[in-house]
Amino acid sequence: MTAGAVEPHEAPVPTGRRPVVRVGAPTERRNPLSVDLDLMSTRDVLSVINEADRRVPIAAAAVVDEIAEAVDLAVTALRGGHRVHYFGAGTSGRLGVLDAAELAPTFNSPRHWFCAHLAGGPDAMWRAVEDAEDDDGGGAAEAGDCVEPGDVVVGLTASGRTPYVLGALAASRANGASTVLLCANPETPAAPAVDVFIGVDTGPEVVAGSTRMKAGTAQKLVLNGFSTAVMVRLGRVYSNLMIDMVATNAKLRGRMISILVESTGCAEEVARQALDEAGGDLKTALVSLVSGVAATTARAALARSADQVRGALALLAS
């Protein structure tokens, strides 16, 4: 097999006398609408999956208040020089890695702001690492090594019981961090042990126990909303435009010009010139165009307003 290729399947692991846990989370129950799934036509299989997926945004909408609490915790932490950590296993952990990885190129956020921890380490992105999620001591030890007082730790687990995640949350809270648990089990006994509990009621999966489906989709939706709202509150969005992105390719360099044109109404050539005078810094060019000041003055105003566009514009207007 070539380097980087993904194994087609994992060999079964015999149970023998190894520990066995029967999970009673809603995601493990059988969905009455899909009991004949293997007898359906391809189109009917897809229709059943699609119909089940429709429930996910509704379930996520029911926990918006809790997500908002988590956002406020994270904003306070990051403004204070602290960090946000994701701890997860399996699909949940991989979604945490994905969310953290996308923030730097999208919002030019410092890479240390969001730290993703996956049970089993980097190899677990591609294949299951045996018993990694059952290691509560491993989660606690990893949190103990990197989580500091004032940080925010978000635990990601579909069932709400994953030992690695709960171990990390307990150690983090004991060390003075704020804790958030995001799961698809509103009834988990772990809920009272965290500062913010986000229990998304997605119900039984179309394929019983396959939490890469609705539960995973719900976690992706919540994480998208959570991290995007954090970036908005930290001033990395102006209106509904990305103004802190890193222009690493031609498309993104073109988007910078489009943002300046759309937000100021200037001609494309004017936008290009402002961006050049700002040394390629989109925020400086934007403040310069909106306020009519030179790029050096715009940059100084941004520095005095914690790099906030609206704050810089208010300073220049006064």
C-alpha atoms as a PDB file:
ATOM      1  CA  MET A   1       0.000   0.000   0.000  1.00  0.00           C
ATOM      2  CA  THR A   2       1.370   3.435  -0.906  1.00  0.00           C
ATOM      3  CA  ALA A   3       2.235   6.025   1.728  1.00  0.00           C
ATOM      4  CA  GLY A   4      -0.767   8.022   2.825  1.00  0.00           C
ATOM      5  CA  ALA A   5      -3.286   5.453   1.587  1.00  0.00           C
ATOM      6  CA  VAL A   6      -6.189   4.561   3.841  1.00  0.00           C
ATOM      7  CA  GLU A   7      -6.748   0.961   4.919  1.00  0.00           C
ATOM      8  CA  PRO A   8      -9.977  -0.418   3.390  1.00  0.00           C
ATOM      9  CA  HIS A   9     -11.056  -1.967   6.691  1.00  0.00           C
ATOM     10  CA  GLU A  10      -9.880  -2.890  10.145  1.00  0.00           C
ATOM     11  CA  ALA A  11      -9.489  -6.483  11.243  1.00  0.00           C
ATOM     12  CA  PRO A  12     -12.018  -7.540  13.911  1.00  0.00           C
ATOM     13  CA  VAL A  13     -10.699  -7.682  17.468  1.00  0.00           C
ATOM     14  CA  PRO A  14     -11.844 -10.720  19.478  1.00  0.00           C
ATOM     15  CA  THR A  15     -13.622  -9.852  22.706  1.00  0.00           C
ATOM     16  CA  GLY A  16     -12.352 -12.716  24.834  1.00  0.00           C
ATOM     17  CA  ARG A  17     -12.021 -11.515  28.409  1.00  0.00           C
ATOM     18  CA  ARG A  18     -11.500  -7.903  27.406  1.00  0.00           C
ATOM     19  CA  PRO A  19     -13.745  -5.299  29.123  1.00  0.00           C
ATOM     20  CA  VAL A  20     -17.179  -4.894  27.528  1.00  0.00           C
ATOM     21  CA  VAL A  21     -19.499  -1.901  27.946  1.00  0.00           C
ATOM     22  CA  ARG A  22     -23.079  -1.837  26.656  1.00  0.00           C
ATOM     23  CA  VAL A  23     -23.892   1.822  26.070  1.00  0.00           C
ATOM     24  CA  GLY A  24     -27.456   2.962  26.670  1.00  0.00           C
ATOM     25  CA  ALA A  25     -27.217   6.309  24.867  1.00  0.00           C
ATOM     26  CA  PRO A  26     -30.033   7.245  22.433  1.00  0.00           C
ATOM     27  CA  THR A  27     -27.608   6.885  19.517  1.00  0.00           C
ATOM     28  CA  GLU A  28     -27.259   3.159  20.279  1.00  0.00           C
ATOM     29  CA  ARG A  29     -30.992   2.442  20.050  1.00  0.00           C
ATOM     30  CA  ARG A  30     -32.644   1.106  16.897  1.00  0.00           C
ATOM     31  CA  ASN A  31     -34.482   3.557  14.689  1.00  0.00           C
ATOM     32  CA  PRO A  32     -37.985   2.213  13.904  1.00  0.00           C
ATOM     33  CA  LEU A  33     -37.968   3.999  10.532  1.00  0.00           C
ATOM     34  CA  SER A  34     -34.968   2.042   9.266  1.00  0.00           C
ATOM     35  CA  VAL A  35     -35.491  -1.515  10.525  1.00  0.00           C
ATOM     36  CA  ASP A  36     -35.858  -2.711   6.894  1.00  0.00           C
ATOM     37  CA  LEU A  37     -32.940  -0.663   5.635  1.00  0.00           C
ATOM     38  CA  ASP A  38     -31.141  -3.610   4.057  1.00  0.00           C
ATOM     39  CA  LEU A  39     -34.266  -4.539   2.061  1.00  0.00           C
ATOM     40  CA  MET A  40     -34.832  -1.068   0.590  1.00  0.00           C
ATOM     41  CA  SER A  41     -33.902   0.228  -2.827  1.00  0.00           C
ATOM     42  CA  THR A  42     -30.892   2.518  -3.078  1.00  0.00           C
ATOM     43  CA  ARG A  43     -33.145   5.544  -3.437  1.00  0.00           C
ATOM     44  CA  ASP A  44     -35.243   4.568  -0.427  1.00  0.00           C
ATOM     45  CA  VAL A  45     -32.095   4.094   1.694  1.00  0.00           C
ATOM     46  CA  LEU A  46     -30.962   7.594   0.774  1.00  0.00           C
ATOM     47  CA  SER A  47     -34.437   9.007   1.404  1.00  0.00           C
ATOM     48  CA  VAL A  48     -34.548   7.505   4.905  1.00  0.00           C
ATOM     49  CA  ILE A  49     -31.097   8.942   5.673  1.00  0.00           C
ATOM     50  CA  ASN A  50     -32.077  12.339   4.308  1.00  0.00           C
ATOM     51  CA  GLU A  51     -35.313  12.399   6.281  1.00  0.00           C
ATOM     52  CA  ALA A  52     -33.408  11.576   9.465  1.00  0.00           C
ATOM     53  CA  ASP A  53     -30.837  14.285   8.721  1.00  0.00           C
ATOM     54  CA  ARG A  54     -33.608  16.889   8.621  1.00  0.00           C
ATOM     55  CA  ARG A  55     -33.958  16.486  12.369  1.00  0.00           C
ATOM     56  CA  VAL A  56     -30.401  17.614  13.071  1.00  0.00           C
ATOM     57  CA  PRO A  57     -30.744  21.413  12.554  1.00  0.00           C
ATOM     58  CA  ILE A  58     -33.919  21.393  14.658  1.00  0.00           C
ATOM     59  CA  ALA A  59     -32.118  19.592  17.464  1.00  0.00           C
ATOM     60  CA  ALA A  60     -29.191  22.006  17.223  1.00  0.00           C
ATOM     61  CA  ALA A  61     -31.551  24.993  17.355  1.00  0.00           C
ATOM     62  CA  ALA A  62     -32.868  23.771  20.695  1.00  0.00           C
ATOM     63  CA  VAL A  63     -29.449  24.259  22.336  1.00  0.00           C
ATOM     64  CA  VAL A  64     -28.532  27.690  20.935  1.00  0.00           C
ATOM     65  CA  ASP A  65     -28.615  29.254  24.424  1.00  0.00           C
ATOM     66  CA  GLU A  66     -26.099  26.715  25.693  1.00  0.00           C
ATOM     67  CA  ILE A  67     -23.866  27.218  22.655  1.00  0.00           C
ATOM     68  CA  ALA A  68     -23.980  30.974  23.323  1.00  0.00           C
ATOM     69  CA  GLU A  69     -22.771  30.378  26.895  1.00  0.00           C
ATOM     70  CA  ALA A  70     -19.851  28.365  25.556  1.00  0.00           C
ATOM     71  CA  VAL A  71     -19.027  31.090  23.011  1.00  0.00           C
ATOM     72  CA  ASP A  72     -18.917  33.747  25.732  1.00  0.00           C
ATOM     73  CA  LEU A  73     -16.598  31.580  27.822  1.00  0.00           C
ATOM     74  CA  ALA A  74     -14.272  31.089  24.867  1.00  0.00           C
ATOM     75  CA  VAL A  75     -14.232  34.785  23.921  1.00  0.00           C
ATOM     76  CA  THR A  76     -13.366  35.772  27.488  1.00  0.00           C
ATOM     77  CA  ALA A  77     -10.621  33.152  27.603  1.00  0.00           C
ATOM     78  CA  LEU A  78      -9.032  34.163  24.295  1.00  0.00           C
ATOM     79  CA  ARG A  79      -9.180  37.877  25.143  1.00  0.00           C
ATOM     80  CA  GLY A  80      -7.368  37.033  28.350  1.00  0.00           C
ATOM     81  CA  GLY A  81      -4.530  35.252  26.553  1.00  0.00           C
ATOM     82  CA  HIS A  82      -5.820  31.737  27.189  1.00  0.00           C
ATOM     83  CA  ARG A  83      -6.790  28.897  24.831  1.00  0.00           C
ATOM     84  CA  VAL A  84      -9.682  26.695  23.732  1.00  0.00           C
ATOM     85  CA  HIS A  85      -9.145  22.929  23.708  1.00  0.00           C
ATOM     86  CA  TYR A  86     -11.165  20.203  22.001  1.00  0.00           C
ATOM     87  CA  PHE A  87     -10.924  16.695  23.475  1.00  0.00           C
ATOM     88  CA  GLY A  88     -12.624  13.887  21.570  1.00  0.00           C
ATOM     89  CA  ALA A  89     -12.449  10.325  20.297  1.00  0.00           C
ATOM     90  CA  GLY A  90     -13.471   8.718  17.027  1.00  0.00           C
ATOM     91  CA  THR A  91     -15.755  10.779  14.811  1.00  0.00           C
ATOM     92  CA  SER A  92     -16.263  13.407  17.499  1.00  0.00           C
ATOM     93  CA  GLY A  93     -12.539  13.893  17.951  1.00  0.00           C
ATOM     94  CA  ARG A  94     -11.898  14.052  14.210  1.00  0.00           C
ATOM     95  CA  LEU A  95     -14.522  16.771  13.858  1.00  0.00           C
ATOM     96  CA  GLY A  96     -12.729  18.736  16.576  1.00  0.00           C
ATOM     97  CA  VAL A  97      -9.464  18.446  14.661  1.00  0.00           C
ATOM     98  CA  LEU A  98     -11.211  19.597  11.479  1.00  0.00           C
ATOM     99  CA  ASP A  99     -12.790  22.613  13.142  1.00  0.00           C
ATOM    100  CA  ALA A 100      -9.544  23.731  14.762  1.00  0.00           C
ATOM    101  CA  ALA A 101      -7.585  23.251  11.530  1.00  0.00           C
ATOM    102  CA  GLU A 102      -9.948  25.440   9.501  1.00  0.00           C
ATOM    103  CA  LEU A 103      -9.857  28.500  11.749  1.00  0.00           C
ATOM    104  CA  ALA A 104      -6.359  29.754  10.962  1.00  0.00           C
ATOM    105  CA  PRO A 105      -6.788  29.904   7.148  1.00  0.00           C
ATOM    106  CA  THR A 106     -10.347  31.246   7.400  1.00  0.00           C
ATOM    107  CA  PHE A 107      -9.897  33.871  10.118  1.00  0.00           C
ATOM    108  CA  ASN A 108      -6.117  34.186  10.419  1.00  0.00           C
ATOM    109  CA  SER A 109      -6.470  33.230  14.063  1.00  0.00           C
ATOM    110  CA  PRO A 110      -3.276  32.353  15.941  1.00  0.00           C
ATOM    111  CA  ARG A 111      -2.759  28.609  15.697  1.00  0.00           C
ATOM    112  CA  HIS A 112      -2.400  28.239  19.456  1.00  0.00           C
ATOM    113  CA  TRP A 113      -5.900  29.614  20.114  1.00  0.00           C
ATOM    114  CA  PHE A 114      -7.683  26.329  19.353  1.00  0.00           C
ATOM    115  CA  CYS A 115      -5.950  23.057  20.270  1.00  0.00           C
ATOM    116  CA  ALA A 116      -7.464  19.713  19.237  1.00  0.00           C
ATOM    117  CA  HIS A 117      -6.691  16.538  21.180  1.00  0.00           C
ATOM    118  CA  LEU A 118      -7.692  13.173  19.697  1.00  0.00           C
ATOM    119  CA  ALA A 119      -7.738   9.930  21.662  1.00  0.00           C
ATOM    120  CA  GLY A 120      -5.029   7.749  20.165  1.00  0.00           C
ATOM    121  CA  GLY A 121      -3.077  10.676  18.747  1.00  0.00           C
ATOM    122  CA  PRO A 122      -2.639  11.668  15.082  1.00  0.00           C
ATOM    123  CA  ASP A 123      -2.863   8.058  13.848  1.00  0.00           C
ATOM    124  CA  ALA A 124      -6.470   7.968  15.072  1.00  0.00           C
ATOM    125  CA  MET A 125      -7.453  10.405  12.306  1.00  0.00           C
ATOM    126  CA  TRP A 126      -7.152   7.515   9.844  1.00  0.00           C
ATOM    127  CA  ARG A 127      -7.847   4.342  11.800  1.00  0.00           C
ATOM    128  CA  ALA A 128      -9.263   3.225  15.118  1.00  0.00           C
ATOM    129  CA  VAL A 129      -6.633   3.097  17.871  1.00  0.00           C
ATOM    130  CA  GLU A 130      -7.427   0.177  20.145  1.00  0.00           C
ATOM    131  CA  ASP A 131      -8.932   1.126  23.527  1.00  0.00           C
ATOM    132  CA  ALA A 132      -7.771   4.763  23.229  1.00  0.00           C
ATOM    133  CA  GLU A 133     -11.217   6.190  23.983  1.00  0.00           C
ATOM    134  CA  ASP A 134     -11.518   4.028  27.105  1.00  0.00           C
ATOM    135  CA  ASP A 135      -8.402   5.542  28.674  1.00  0.00           C
ATOM    136  CA  ASP A 136      -9.693   8.124  31.143  1.00  0.00           C
ATOM    137  CA  GLY A 137      -6.233   8.376  32.663  1.00  0.00           C
ATOM    138  CA  GLY A 138      -4.805   9.191  29.233  1.00  0.00           C
ATOM    139  CA  GLY A 139      -7.302  12.011  28.780  1.00  0.00           C
ATOM    140  CA  ALA A 140      -6.576  13.353  32.253  1.00  0.00           C
ATOM    141  CA  ALA A 141      -2.820  13.176  31.685  1.00  0.00           C
ATOM    142  CA  GLU A 142      -3.007  14.947  28.330  1.00  0.00           C
ATOM    143  CA  ALA A 143      -5.167  17.700  29.826  1.00  0.00           C
ATOM    144  CA  GLY A 144      -2.783  17.977  32.758  1.00  0.00           C
ATOM    145  CA  ASP A 145       0.128  18.536  30.391  1.00  0.00           C
ATOM    146  CA  CYS A 146      -1.375  21.384  28.377  1.00  0.00           C
ATOM    147  CA  VAL A 147      -4.545  22.859  29.911  1.00  0.00           C
ATOM    148  CA  GLU A 148      -3.981  25.909  32.097  1.00  0.00           C
ATOM    149  CA  PRO A 149      -6.238  27.886  34.462  1.00  0.00           C
ATOM    150  CA  GLY A 150      -8.416  30.233  32.413  1.00  0.00           C
ATOM    151  CA  ASP A 151      -8.563  27.963  29.366  1.00  0.00           C
ATOM    152  CA  VAL A 152     -11.815  26.557  27.991  1.00  0.00           C
ATOM    153  CA  VAL A 153     -12.029  22.804  27.374  1.00  0.00           C
ATOM    154  CA  VAL A 154     -14.740  21.385  25.109  1.00  0.00           C
ATOM    155  CA  GLY A 155     -15.364  17.653  25.399  1.00  0.00           C
ATOM    156  CA  LEU A 156     -16.745  15.973  22.274  1.00  0.00           C
ATOM    157  CA  THR A 157     -18.501  12.616  22.633  1.00  0.00           C
ATOM    158  CA  ALA A 158     -21.639  11.304  20.945  1.00  0.00           C
ATOM    159  CA  SER A 159     -22.601   9.077  23.878  1.00  0.00           C
ATOM    160  CA  GLY A 160     -21.697  11.524  26.641  1.00  0.00           C
ATOM    161  CA  ARG A 161     -19.718   8.813  28.440  1.00  0.00           C
ATOM    162  CA  THR A 162     -16.380   8.430  26.610  1.00  0.00           C
ATOM    163  CA  PRO A 163     -13.785   7.903  29.404  1.00  0.00           C
ATOM    164  CA  TYR A 164     -10.933   9.702  27.582  1.00  0.00           C
ATOM    165  CA  VAL A 165     -13.110  12.815  27.218  1.00  0.00           C
ATOM    166  CA  LEU A 166     -14.561  12.741  30.721  1.00  0.00           C
ATOM    167  CA  GLY A 167     -11.093  12.221  32.182  1.00  0.00           C
ATOM    168  CA  ALA A 168      -9.809  15.268  30.314  1.00  0.00           C
ATOM    169  CA  LEU A 169     -12.784  17.376  31.437  1.00  0.00           C
ATOM    170  CA  ALA A 170     -12.417  16.407  35.091  1.00  0.00           C
ATOM    171  CA  ALA A 171      -8.678  17.138  35.126  1.00  0.00           C
ATOM    172  CA  SER A 172      -9.203  20.437  33.307  1.00  0.00           C
ATOM    173  CA  ARG A 173     -11.872  21.642  35.701  1.00  0.00           C
ATOM    174  CA  ALA A 174      -9.721  20.682  38.683  1.00  0.00           C
ATOM    175  CA  ASN A 175      -6.939  22.766  37.152  1.00  0.00           C
ATOM    176  CA  GLY A 176      -9.093  25.906  36.894  1.00  0.00           C
ATOM    177  CA  ALA A 177     -10.310  25.675  33.298  1.00  0.00           C
ATOM    178  CA  SER A 178     -13.922  26.191  32.221  1.00  0.00           C
ATOM    179  CA  THR A 179     -15.481  23.033  30.789  1.00  0.00           C
ATOM    180  CA  VAL A 180     -18.073  22.342  28.101  1.00  0.00           C
ATOM    181  CA  LEU A 181     -19.523  18.970  27.112  1.00  0.00           C
ATOM    182  CA  LEU A 182     -21.051  18.550  23.647  1.00  0.00           C
ATOM    183  CA  CYS A 183     -22.829  15.256  23.035  1.00  0.00           C
ATOM    184  CA  ALA A 184     -25.885  13.613  21.486  1.00  0.00           C
ATOM    185  CA  ASN A 185     -27.172  12.228  24.781  1.00  0.00           C
ATOM    186  CA  PRO A 186     -29.236  14.810  26.700  1.00  0.00           C
ATOM    187  CA  GLU A 187     -29.562  12.317  29.568  1.00  0.00           C
ATOM    188  CA  THR A 188     -25.863  11.700  30.227  1.00  0.00           C
ATOM    189  CA  PRO A 189     -24.961  11.566  33.930  1.00  0.00           C
ATOM    190  CA  ALA A 190     -21.873  13.648  33.106  1.00  0.00           C
ATOM    191  CA  ALA A 191     -23.907  16.817  32.489  1.00  0.00           C
ATOM    192  CA  PRO A 192     -23.702  18.249  36.039  1.00  0.00           C
ATOM    193  CA  ALA A 193     -19.912  17.870  36.068  1.00  0.00           C
ATOM    194  CA  VAL A 194     -19.261  20.639  33.500  1.00  0.00           C
ATOM    195  CA  ASP A 195     -19.863  24.381  33.369  1.00  0.00           C
ATOM    196  CA  VAL A 196     -21.864  24.253  30.136  1.00  0.00           C
ATOM    197  CA  PHE A 197     -23.694  21.178  28.879  1.00  0.00           C
ATOM    198  CA  ILE A 198     -24.789  21.009  25.223  1.00  0.00           C
ATOM    199  CA  GLY A 199     -26.935  17.898  24.752  1.00  0.00           C
ATOM    200  CA  VAL A 200     -28.195  17.707  21.162  1.00  0.00           C
ATOM    201  CA  ASP A 201     -31.192  15.364  20.968  1.00  0.00           C
ATOM    202  CA  THR A 202     -30.615  13.695  17.587  1.00  0.00           C
ATOM    203  CA  GLY A 203     -32.157  10.377  18.624  1.00  0.00           C
ATOM    204  CA  PRO A 204     -31.395   6.892  17.232  1.00  0.00           C
ATOM    205  CA  GLU A 205     -29.223   6.663  14.141  1.00  0.00           C
ATOM    206  CA  VAL A 206     -30.450   5.211  10.842  1.00  0.00           C
ATOM    207  CA  VAL A 207     -27.758   2.571  11.326  1.00  0.00           C
ATOM    208  CA  ALA A 208     -27.903   1.872  15.069  1.00  0.00           C
ATOM    209  CA  GLY A 209     -24.812   3.150  16.856  1.00  0.00           C
ATOM    210  CA  SER A 210     -23.246   4.741  13.756  1.00  0.00           C
ATOM    211  CA  THR A 211     -22.595   8.129  15.322  1.00  0.00           C
ATOM    212  CA  ARG A 212     -20.734   9.363  12.245  1.00  0.00           C
ATOM    213  CA  MET A 213     -24.249  10.066  10.946  1.00  0.00           C
ATOM    214  CA  LYS A 214     -26.745  12.334  12.756  1.00  0.00           C
ATOM    215  CA  ALA A 215     -24.692  12.724  15.926  1.00  0.00           C
ATOM    216  CA  GLY A 216     -21.623  13.629  13.879  1.00  0.00           C
ATOM    217  CA  THR A 217     -23.591  16.039  11.704  1.00  0.00           C
ATOM    218  CA  ALA A 218     -24.949  17.726  14.825  1.00  0.00           C
ATOM    219  CA  GLN A 219     -21.463  18.126  16.277  1.00  0.00           C
ATOM    220  CA  LYS A 220     -20.240  19.601  13.002  1.00  0.00           C
ATOM    221  CA  LEU A 221     -23.126  22.104  13.005  1.00  0.00           C
ATOM    222  CA  VAL A 222     -22.559  23.083  16.629  1.00  0.00           C
ATOM    223  CA  LEU A 223     -18.792  23.423  16.217  1.00  0.00           C
ATOM    224  CA  ASN A 224     -19.248  25.508  13.065  1.00  0.00           C
ATOM    225  CA  GLY A 225     -21.575  27.839  14.934  1.00  0.00           C
ATOM    226  CA  PHE A 226     -19.452  27.902  18.076  1.00  0.00           C
ATOM    227  CA  SER A 227     -16.101  28.724  16.489  1.00  0.00           C
ATOM    228  CA  THR A 228     -17.545  31.119  13.902  1.00  0.00           C
ATOM    229  CA  ALA A 229     -19.407  33.058  16.588  1.00  0.00           C
ATOM    230  CA  VAL A 230     -16.194  33.237  18.628  1.00  0.00           C
ATOM    231  CA  MET A 231     -14.380  34.741  15.645  1.00  0.00           C
ATOM    232  CA  VAL A 232     -17.208  37.231  15.024  1.00  0.00           C
ATOM    233  CA  ARG A 233     -17.152  38.356  18.665  1.00  0.00           C
ATOM    234  CA  LEU A 234     -13.369  38.785  18.443  1.00  0.00           C
ATOM    235  CA  GLY A 235     -13.719  41.162  15.489  1.00  0.00           C
ATOM    236  CA  ARG A 236     -12.444  38.843  12.781  1.00  0.00           C
ATOM    237  CA  VAL A 237     -15.544  39.517  10.688  1.00  0.00           C
ATOM    238  CA  TYR A 238     -16.723  42.930   9.444  1.00  0.00           C
ATOM    239  CA  SER A 239     -20.418  42.961   8.518  1.00  0.00           C
ATOM    240  CA  ASN A 240     -20.603  39.398   7.176  1.00  0.00           C
ATOM    241  CA  LEU A 241     -17.233  39.511   5.420  1.00  0.00           C
ATOM    242  CA  MET A 242     -14.035  37.616   6.237  1.00  0.00           C
ATOM    243  CA  ILE A 243     -11.493  40.354   6.882  1.00  0.00           C
ATOM    244  CA  ASP A 244      -8.798  38.355   8.654  1.00  0.00           C
ATOM    245  CA  MET A 245      -8.274  35.597   6.124  1.00  0.00           C
ATOM    246  CA  VAL A 246      -4.863  34.556   4.818  1.00  0.00           C
ATOM    247  CA  ALA A 247      -4.611  35.037   1.044  1.00  0.00           C
ATOM    248  CA  THR A 248      -2.679  31.872   0.235  1.00  0.00           C
ATOM    249  CA  ASN A 249      -3.923  31.446  -3.337  1.00  0.00           C
ATOM    250  CA  ALA A 250      -5.283  33.384  -6.325  1.00  0.00           C
ATOM    251  CA  LYS A 251      -8.903  32.831  -5.326  1.00  0.00           C
ATOM    252  CA  LEU A 252      -8.389  34.298  -1.869  1.00  0.00           C
ATOM    253  CA  ARG A 253      -6.392  37.237  -3.233  1.00  0.00           C
ATOM    254  CA  GLY A 254      -9.328  37.927  -5.516  1.00  0.00           C
ATOM    255  CA  ARG A 255     -11.695  37.644  -2.568  1.00  0.00           C
ATOM    256  CA  MET A 256      -9.754  40.383  -0.781  1.00  0.00           C
ATOM    257  CA  ILE A 257     -10.420  42.738  -3.679  1.00  0.00           C
ATOM    258  CA  SER A 258     -14.091  41.704  -3.757  1.00  0.00           C
ATOM    259  CA  ILE A 259     -14.450  42.371  -0.019  1.00  0.00           C
ATOM    260  CA  LEU A 260     -13.037  45.865  -0.368  1.00  0.00           C
ATOM    261  CA  VAL A 261     -15.288  46.617  -3.349  1.00  0.00           C
ATOM    262  CA  GLU A 262     -18.404  45.222  -1.636  1.00  0.00           C
ATOM    263  CA  SER A 263     -17.803  46.891   1.727  1.00  0.00           C
ATOM    264  CA  THR A 264     -16.844  50.351   0.418  1.00  0.00           C
ATOM    265  CA  GLY A 265     -18.373  50.617  -3.056  1.00  0.00           C
ATOM    266  CA  CYS A 266     -15.022  51.644  -4.520  1.00  0.00           C
ATOM    267  CA  ALA A 267     -13.762  50.663  -7.960  1.00  0.00           C
ATOM    268  CA  GLU A 268     -11.655  47.521  -8.298  1.00  0.00           C
ATOM    269  CA  GLU A 269      -8.535  49.494  -9.212  1.00  0.00           C
ATOM    270  CA  VAL A 270      -8.964  51.675  -6.118  1.00  0.00           C
ATOM    271  CA  ALA A 271      -9.262  48.533  -3.985  1.00  0.00           C
ATOM    272  CA  ARG A 272      -6.094  47.095  -5.513  1.00  0.00           C
ATOM    273  CA  GLN A 273      -4.179  50.300  -4.841  1.00  0.00           C
ATOM    274  CA  ALA A 274      -5.388  50.491  -1.229  1.00  0.00           C
ATOM    275  CA  LEU A 275      -4.376  46.886  -0.660  1.00  0.00           C
ATOM    276  CA  ASP A 276      -0.933  47.540  -2.120  1.00  0.00           C
ATOM    277  CA  GLU A 277      -0.470  50.624   0.065  1.00  0.00           C
ATOM    278  CA  ALA A 278      -1.505  48.561   3.098  1.00  0.00           C
ATOM    279  CA  GLY A 279       1.155  45.962   2.310  1.00  0.00           C
ATOM    280  CA  GLY A 280      -1.508  43.351   1.542  1.00  0.00           C
ATOM    281  CA  ASP A 281      -3.235  43.749   4.916  1.00  0.00           C
ATOM    282  CA  LEU A 282      -6.973  43.654   4.293  1.00  0.00           C
ATOM    283  CA  LYS A 283      -8.020  45.294   7.571  1.00  0.00           C
ATOM    284  CA  THR A 284      -5.678  48.232   7.081  1.00  0.00           C
ATOM    285  CA  ALA A 285      -6.881  48.727   3.500  1.00  0.00           C
ATOM    286  CA  LEU A 286     -10.517  48.565   4.625  1.00  0.00           C
ATOM    287  CA  VAL A 287     -10.088  51.116   7.425  1.00  0.00           C
ATOM    288  CA  SER A 288      -8.132  53.348   5.065  1.00  0.00           C
ATOM    289  CA  LEU A 289     -10.824  53.278   2.371  1.00  0.00           C
ATOM    290  CA  VAL A 290     -13.779  53.731   4.727  1.00  0.00           C
ATOM    291  CA  SER A 291     -12.225  56.561   6.751  1.00  0.00           C
ATOM    292  CA  GLY A 292     -10.218  58.198   3.981  1.00  0.00           C
ATOM    293  CA  VAL A 293      -6.972  58.189   5.965  1.00  0.00           C
ATOM    294  CA  ALA A 294      -3.556  56.945   4.864  1.00  0.00           C
ATOM    295  CA  ALA A 295      -2.622  53.317   5.402  1.00  0.00           C
ATOM    296  CA  THR A 296      -0.145  54.218   8.154  1.00  0.00           C
ATOM    297  CA  THR A 297      -2.854  56.089  10.073  1.00  0.00           C
ATOM    298  CA  ALA A 298      -5.303  53.229   9.574  1.00  0.00           C
ATOM    299  CA  ARG A 299      -2.745  50.730  10.871  1.00  0.00           C
ATOM    300  CA  ALA A 300      -2.105  52.855  13.963  1.00  0.00           C
ATOM    301  CA  ALA A 301      -5.845  53.103  14.675  1.00  0.00           C
ATOM    302  CA  LEU A 302      -6.159  49.327  14.439  1.00  0.00           C
ATOM    303  CA  ALA A 303      -3.283  48.902  16.870  1.00  0.00           C
ATOM    304  CA  ARG A 304      -5.022  51.236  19.347  1.00  0.00           C
ATOM    305  CA  SER A 305      -8.331  49.347  19.079  1.00  0.00           C
ATOM    306  CA  ALA A 306      -7.116  45.770  19.586  1.00  0.00           C
ATOM    307  CA  ASP A 307      -7.150  45.196  15.805  1.00  0.00           C
ATOM    308  CA  GLN A 308     -10.921  45.776  15.629  1.00  0.00           C
ATOM    309  CA  VAL A 309     -12.137  47.406  12.401  1.00  0.00           C
ATOM    310  CA  ARG A 310     -15.201  49.059  13.926  1.00  0.00           C
ATOM    311  CA  GLY A 311     -13.172  50.225  16.895  1.00  0.00           C
ATOM    312  CA  ALA A 312     -10.549  51.755  14.611  1.00  0.00           C
ATOM    313  CA  LEU A 313     -13.214  53.492  12.534  1.00  0.00           C
ATOM    314  CA  ALA A 314     -14.800  54.892  15.696  1.00  0.00           C
ATOM    315  CA  LEU A 315     -11.432  56.251  16.835  1.00  0.00           C
ATOM    316  CA  LEU A 316     -10.819  57.917  13.491  1.00  0.00           C
ATOM    317  CA  ALA A 317     -14.331  59.372  13.377  1.00  0.00           C
ATOM    318  CA  SER A 318     -13.881  60.994  16.796  1.00  0.00           C
END
